[in-house]
N, C-alpha and C. Protein backbone atom coordinates (compact mmCIF):
# COMPACT_ATOMS: atom_id res chain seq x y z
N UNK A 1 -25.47 -9.52 15.51
CA UNK A 1 -24.37 -9.25 14.87
C UNK A 1 -23.71 -7.79 14.78
N UNK A 2 -22.80 -7.51 14.55
CA UNK A 2 -21.96 -6.27 14.73
C UNK A 2 -21.37 -6.00 13.40
N UNK A 3 -21.59 -4.89 12.91
CA UNK A 3 -21.05 -4.29 11.57
C UNK A 3 -19.74 -3.21 11.90
N UNK A 4 -18.68 -3.40 11.14
CA UNK A 4 -17.62 -2.30 11.59
C UNK A 4 -17.44 -1.52 10.28
N UNK A 5 -17.03 -0.34 10.31
CA UNK A 5 -16.70 0.16 9.20
C UNK A 5 -15.55 1.42 9.13
N UNK A 6 -14.74 1.27 8.60
CA UNK A 6 -13.35 2.08 8.80
C UNK A 6 -13.56 3.34 7.88
N UNK A 7 -12.85 4.58 8.40
CA UNK A 7 -12.63 5.49 7.34
C UNK A 7 -11.27 6.30 8.08
N UNK A 8 -10.92 7.38 7.25
CA UNK A 8 -9.98 8.09 7.41
C UNK A 8 -8.47 7.50 6.84
N UNK A 9 -8.61 6.73 5.94
CA UNK A 9 -7.46 6.20 5.00
C UNK A 9 -7.09 7.45 4.25
N UNK A 10 -5.89 6.96 3.12
CA UNK A 10 -5.53 8.09 2.57
C UNK A 10 -4.10 7.86 2.11
N UNK A 11 -3.65 8.86 1.42
CA UNK A 11 -2.38 8.94 1.05
C UNK A 11 -1.54 10.13 1.80
N UNK A 12 -0.26 9.90 2.23
CA UNK A 12 0.54 10.71 2.93
C UNK A 12 1.96 10.65 2.90
N UNK A 13 2.70 11.39 2.93
CA UNK A 13 4.20 11.64 2.83
C UNK A 13 4.59 11.15 4.13
N UNK A 14 5.99 10.63 4.31
CA UNK A 14 6.52 9.96 5.34
C UNK A 14 6.78 11.15 6.28
N UNK A 15 6.78 10.72 7.65
CA UNK A 15 6.58 11.88 8.60
C UNK A 15 5.43 12.41 8.82
N UNK A 16 4.34 12.32 8.02
CA UNK A 16 3.08 12.83 8.33
C UNK A 16 2.17 11.96 9.01
N UNK A 17 0.97 12.33 9.54
CA UNK A 17 0.04 11.63 10.34
C UNK A 17 -1.50 11.54 9.73
N UNK A 18 -2.11 10.62 10.27
CA UNK A 18 -3.30 10.05 9.76
C UNK A 18 -3.97 9.59 10.81
N UNK A 19 -5.21 9.99 11.10
CA UNK A 19 -6.15 9.19 12.00
C UNK A 19 -7.30 8.46 11.32
N UNK A 20 -7.34 7.14 11.72
CA UNK A 20 -8.15 6.31 11.06
C UNK A 20 -9.64 5.98 12.17
N UNK A 21 -10.80 5.95 11.69
CA UNK A 21 -11.93 6.04 12.58
C UNK A 21 -12.61 4.51 12.10
N UNK A 22 -13.43 4.16 13.32
CA UNK A 22 -14.04 2.88 12.95
C UNK A 22 -15.19 2.92 13.90
N UNK A 23 -16.55 2.91 12.95
CA UNK A 23 -17.76 3.06 13.78
C UNK A 23 -18.57 1.77 13.80
N UNK A 24 -18.99 1.25 15.06
CA UNK A 24 -19.79 -0.01 15.25
C UNK A 24 -21.25 0.20 15.12
N UNK A 25 -21.77 -0.58 14.45
CA UNK A 25 -23.38 -0.70 14.77
C UNK A 25 -23.77 -2.09 14.93
N UNK A 26 -24.92 -2.08 15.57
CA UNK A 26 -25.41 -3.65 15.92
C UNK A 26 -25.29 -3.90 17.32
N UNK A 27 -25.36 -5.07 17.54
CA UNK A 27 -25.26 -5.52 18.99
C UNK A 27 -23.74 -5.31 19.69
N UNK A 28 -23.57 -4.12 19.85
CA UNK A 28 -22.04 -3.76 20.48
C UNK A 28 -21.74 -3.82 21.82
N UNK A 29 -22.83 -4.42 22.62
CA UNK A 29 -22.66 -3.96 23.97
C UNK A 29 -21.58 -4.87 24.64
N UNK A 30 -21.31 -6.04 23.92
CA UNK A 30 -20.29 -7.19 24.57
C UNK A 30 -19.00 -7.05 23.97
N UNK A 31 -18.66 -5.88 23.19
CA UNK A 31 -17.65 -6.00 22.59
C UNK A 31 -16.37 -5.46 23.54
N UNK A 32 -15.62 -6.47 23.96
CA UNK A 32 -14.82 -6.34 25.13
C UNK A 32 -13.26 -5.77 24.67
N UNK A 33 -12.89 -6.36 23.62
CA UNK A 33 -11.62 -5.67 23.05
C UNK A 33 -12.03 -5.39 21.49
N UNK A 34 -11.06 -4.32 21.45
CA UNK A 34 -10.92 -3.70 19.93
C UNK A 34 -9.53 -3.64 19.59
N UNK A 35 -9.53 -3.53 17.96
CA UNK A 35 -8.05 -3.32 17.51
C UNK A 35 -8.08 -2.87 16.20
N UNK A 36 -6.92 -2.89 15.93
CA UNK A 36 -6.49 -2.47 14.39
C UNK A 36 -5.45 -3.55 13.75
N UNK A 37 -5.68 -4.05 12.66
CA UNK A 37 -4.61 -4.66 11.99
C UNK A 37 -4.39 -4.32 10.61
N UNK A 38 -3.29 -4.49 9.98
CA UNK A 38 -2.94 -4.23 8.70
C UNK A 38 -2.18 -5.38 7.67
N UNK A 39 -2.63 -5.06 6.49
CA UNK A 39 -2.13 -6.14 5.57
C UNK A 39 -1.31 -5.31 4.43
N UNK A 40 -0.04 -5.44 4.51
CA UNK A 40 0.81 -4.74 3.40
C UNK A 40 0.75 -5.76 2.28
N UNK A 41 1.16 -4.98 1.13
CA UNK A 41 1.09 -5.92 -0.16
C UNK A 41 2.15 -7.13 -0.03
N UNK A 42 1.33 -8.16 -0.63
CA UNK A 42 2.44 -9.18 -0.45
C UNK A 42 2.76 -9.78 1.08
N UNK A 43 2.08 -9.44 1.96
CA UNK A 43 2.24 -9.70 3.40
C UNK A 43 0.97 -10.48 4.00
N UNK A 44 1.15 -11.10 5.12
CA UNK A 44 -0.01 -11.58 5.83
C UNK A 44 -0.41 -10.37 6.60
N UNK A 45 -1.75 -10.73 6.97
CA UNK A 45 -2.32 -9.60 7.96
C UNK A 45 -1.60 -9.62 9.62
N UNK A 46 -1.33 -8.51 9.98
CA UNK A 46 -0.68 -8.55 11.26
C UNK A 46 -1.42 -7.42 12.48
N UNK A 47 -1.10 -7.75 13.53
CA UNK A 47 -1.81 -6.78 14.49
C UNK A 47 -1.07 -5.81 14.59
N UNK A 48 -1.55 -4.59 14.71
CA UNK A 48 -1.05 -3.23 14.89
C UNK A 48 -1.44 -2.85 16.45
N UNK A 49 -2.49 -2.66 16.76
CA UNK A 49 -2.76 -2.25 18.08
C UNK A 49 -4.02 -2.90 18.51
N UNK A 50 -4.04 -3.02 19.90
CA UNK A 50 -5.21 -3.81 20.52
C UNK A 50 -5.38 -2.94 21.84
N UNK A 51 -6.80 -2.93 22.20
CA UNK A 51 -7.17 -2.17 23.45
C UNK A 51 -8.10 -3.11 24.11
N UNK A 52 -7.48 -3.63 25.22
CA UNK A 52 -8.33 -4.62 26.08
C UNK A 52 -9.36 -3.96 27.12
N UNK A 53 -10.34 -4.72 27.54
CA UNK A 53 -11.27 -4.37 28.40
C UNK A 53 -10.99 -3.55 29.62
N UNK A 54 -9.88 -3.91 30.06
CA UNK A 54 -9.45 -3.19 31.36
C UNK A 54 -8.68 -2.01 31.06
N UNK A 55 -8.42 -1.56 29.70
CA UNK A 55 -7.92 -0.45 29.42
C UNK A 55 -6.55 -0.36 29.11
N UNK A 56 -6.13 -1.70 29.15
CA UNK A 56 -4.56 -1.87 28.81
C UNK A 56 -4.40 -1.91 27.18
N UNK A 57 -3.19 -1.55 26.86
CA UNK A 57 -2.88 -1.59 25.10
C UNK A 57 -1.83 -2.44 24.83
N UNK A 58 -1.79 -3.08 23.71
CA UNK A 58 -0.84 -3.73 23.13
C UNK A 58 -0.51 -3.14 21.55
N UNK A 59 0.53 -3.12 21.49
CA UNK A 59 1.26 -2.59 20.13
C UNK A 59 2.25 -3.28 19.55
N UNK A 60 2.29 -3.45 18.16
CA UNK A 60 3.25 -4.09 17.45
C UNK A 60 4.61 -3.44 17.86
N UNK A 61 5.80 -3.78 17.82
CA UNK A 61 6.99 -3.19 18.13
C UNK A 61 7.10 -2.26 17.13
N UNK A 62 6.61 -2.43 15.94
CA UNK A 62 7.01 -1.42 14.66
C UNK A 62 6.14 -0.08 14.87
N UNK A 63 5.23 0.00 15.52
CA UNK A 63 4.37 1.28 15.71
C UNK A 63 4.56 1.82 17.08
N UNK A 64 5.10 1.29 18.37
CA UNK A 64 5.27 1.70 19.37
C UNK A 64 5.73 2.99 19.43
N UNK A 65 5.09 4.09 20.22
CA UNK A 65 5.34 5.47 20.38
C UNK A 65 4.96 6.13 19.29
N UNK A 66 4.49 5.71 18.14
CA UNK A 66 4.03 6.54 16.99
C UNK A 66 2.63 6.34 16.89
N UNK A 67 1.83 5.03 17.08
CA UNK A 67 0.49 4.92 17.00
C UNK A 67 -0.35 4.80 18.33
N UNK A 68 -1.46 5.39 18.32
CA UNK A 68 -2.31 5.32 19.67
C UNK A 68 -3.54 4.97 19.32
N UNK A 69 -4.28 3.77 20.01
CA UNK A 69 -5.42 3.26 19.84
C UNK A 69 -6.53 3.96 20.79
N UNK A 70 -7.81 4.27 20.54
CA UNK A 70 -8.50 4.83 21.47
C UNK A 70 -9.94 4.24 21.32
N UNK A 71 -10.61 4.58 22.12
CA UNK A 71 -12.07 3.84 22.02
C UNK A 71 -13.16 4.97 22.72
N UNK A 72 -14.42 5.07 22.14
CA UNK A 72 -15.34 5.99 22.57
C UNK A 72 -16.61 4.89 22.73
N UNK A 73 -16.62 4.32 24.01
CA UNK A 73 -17.90 3.55 24.13
C UNK A 73 -19.27 4.21 24.00
N UNK A 74 -19.39 5.33 24.21
CA UNK A 74 -20.55 6.11 24.27
C UNK A 74 -20.99 6.20 22.87
N UNK A 75 -20.06 6.54 21.70
CA UNK A 75 -20.39 6.46 20.50
C UNK A 75 -20.03 5.43 19.57
N UNK A 76 -19.70 4.42 20.11
CA UNK A 76 -19.44 2.96 19.59
C UNK A 76 -18.40 3.31 18.43
N UNK A 77 -17.18 3.92 18.67
CA UNK A 77 -16.30 4.02 17.93
C UNK A 77 -14.98 3.96 18.45
N UNK A 78 -14.11 3.77 17.43
CA UNK A 78 -12.63 3.40 18.05
C UNK A 78 -11.80 4.03 16.92
N UNK A 79 -10.51 4.56 17.27
CA UNK A 79 -9.61 5.40 16.43
C UNK A 79 -8.25 4.87 16.59
N UNK A 80 -7.50 4.98 15.59
CA UNK A 80 -6.08 4.71 15.65
C UNK A 80 -5.13 6.10 15.11
N UNK A 81 -4.68 6.87 15.98
CA UNK A 81 -3.81 7.96 15.62
C UNK A 81 -2.63 7.72 15.18
N UNK A 82 -2.03 7.75 14.09
CA UNK A 82 -0.91 7.49 13.35
C UNK A 82 0.11 8.59 13.16
N UNK A 83 1.12 8.66 13.98
CA UNK A 83 2.21 9.53 13.71
C UNK A 83 3.45 9.45 13.11
N UNK A 84 4.34 10.16 12.59
CA UNK A 84 5.71 9.89 12.03
C UNK A 84 5.41 8.50 11.19
N UNK A 85 4.43 8.71 10.14
CA UNK A 85 4.49 7.49 9.32
C UNK A 85 5.59 7.31 8.53
N UNK A 86 5.76 5.78 8.17
CA UNK A 86 6.87 5.39 7.39
C UNK A 86 6.38 4.75 6.30
N UNK A 87 7.14 4.76 4.97
CA UNK A 87 6.71 3.90 3.88
C UNK A 87 6.06 2.63 4.22
N UNK A 88 6.88 1.83 5.16
CA UNK A 88 6.56 0.45 5.61
C UNK A 88 5.37 0.47 6.51
N UNK A 89 4.57 1.53 6.67
CA UNK A 89 3.31 1.45 7.23
C UNK A 89 1.98 1.39 6.11
N UNK A 90 2.65 1.63 4.87
CA UNK A 90 1.59 1.20 3.75
C UNK A 90 0.86 0.01 3.88
N UNK A 91 -0.55 -0.11 3.77
CA UNK A 91 -1.22 -1.15 3.68
C UNK A 91 -2.89 -0.97 3.92
N UNK A 92 -3.45 -2.22 3.91
CA UNK A 92 -4.81 -2.04 4.17
C UNK A 92 -4.88 -2.20 5.67
N UNK A 93 -5.62 -1.20 6.20
CA UNK A 93 -6.02 -1.22 7.60
C UNK A 93 -7.45 -1.55 8.02
N UNK A 94 -7.50 -2.66 8.87
CA UNK A 94 -8.70 -3.23 9.16
C UNK A 94 -9.04 -3.13 10.93
N UNK A 95 -10.35 -2.49 11.30
CA UNK A 95 -10.60 -2.60 12.62
C UNK A 95 -11.39 -3.83 12.75
N UNK A 96 -11.23 -4.23 14.22
CA UNK A 96 -11.78 -5.52 14.66
C UNK A 96 -12.21 -5.17 16.11
N UNK A 97 -13.08 -6.07 16.27
CA UNK A 97 -13.77 -6.07 17.85
C UNK A 97 -14.32 -7.68 18.13
N UNK A 98 -14.45 -7.80 19.33
CA UNK A 98 -15.15 -9.15 19.81
C UNK A 98 -15.40 -8.97 21.29
N UNK A 99 -15.65 -10.07 21.93
CA UNK A 99 -15.89 -10.06 23.25
C UNK A 99 -14.51 -10.71 23.86
N UNK A 100 -13.79 -11.57 23.64
CA UNK A 100 -12.28 -12.16 23.88
C UNK A 100 -11.36 -12.18 22.55
N UNK A 101 -11.84 -12.89 21.60
CA UNK A 101 -11.14 -12.55 20.39
C UNK A 101 -11.94 -11.75 19.66
N UNK A 102 -10.96 -11.57 18.40
CA UNK A 102 -11.61 -10.56 17.34
C UNK A 102 -12.73 -11.26 16.42
N UNK A 103 -13.84 -11.00 16.49
CA UNK A 103 -15.03 -11.95 16.02
C UNK A 103 -15.46 -10.82 14.83
N UNK A 104 -15.46 -9.72 14.79
CA UNK A 104 -15.94 -8.91 13.81
C UNK A 104 -14.90 -8.05 13.19
N UNK A 105 -15.13 -7.73 11.81
CA UNK A 105 -14.07 -7.03 11.14
C UNK A 105 -14.82 -6.23 10.26
N UNK A 106 -13.99 -4.94 9.84
CA UNK A 106 -14.43 -4.16 9.04
C UNK A 106 -13.82 -4.52 7.43
N UNK A 107 -14.17 -3.98 6.51
CA UNK A 107 -13.57 -4.13 5.39
C UNK A 107 -12.23 -3.59 4.73
N UNK A 108 -11.78 -2.59 5.63
CA UNK A 108 -10.57 -2.13 5.50
C UNK A 108 -10.50 -0.84 4.73
N UNK A 109 -9.28 -0.20 4.97
CA UNK A 109 -9.29 1.29 4.55
C UNK A 109 -7.82 1.51 4.25
N UNK A 110 -7.54 1.87 2.99
CA UNK A 110 -6.03 1.92 2.66
C UNK A 110 -5.33 3.12 2.98
N UNK A 111 -4.14 2.71 3.48
CA UNK A 111 -3.14 3.87 4.09
C UNK A 111 -1.87 3.52 2.99
N UNK A 112 -1.69 4.76 2.46
CA UNK A 112 -0.32 4.69 1.49
C UNK A 112 0.66 5.57 1.98
N UNK A 113 1.66 5.55 2.31
CA UNK A 113 2.90 6.31 2.73
C UNK A 113 4.07 6.50 1.66
N UNK A 114 4.09 7.45 1.21
CA UNK A 114 5.20 7.88 0.29
C UNK A 114 6.49 8.46 0.72
N UNK A 115 7.60 7.87 0.20
CA UNK A 115 8.89 8.43 0.90
C UNK A 115 8.99 9.70 0.42
């Protein structure tokens, strides 16, 4: 079993930056893919960024060039650097991980971006 826990959420003004972190505990050795998702108020959860086993990354079009996903396997952590934040980036951000699909999820951390 793997447990994920996010940290780093908060409130920021538009144009600002935040870094979200996610710590994994448990049987983490087979987590080949990691990612970040978000859910805005009244909307469905959507993918923000994904880091694949081969090191390639995928980003939602809305965050390309502004967000960067990274992972430190030695520390079982992953991070999401968010720059040039916009009010539409507001939502609960979840980290996720799995072998090929996202099997494990954190409980989420709230990011609020004010205009």
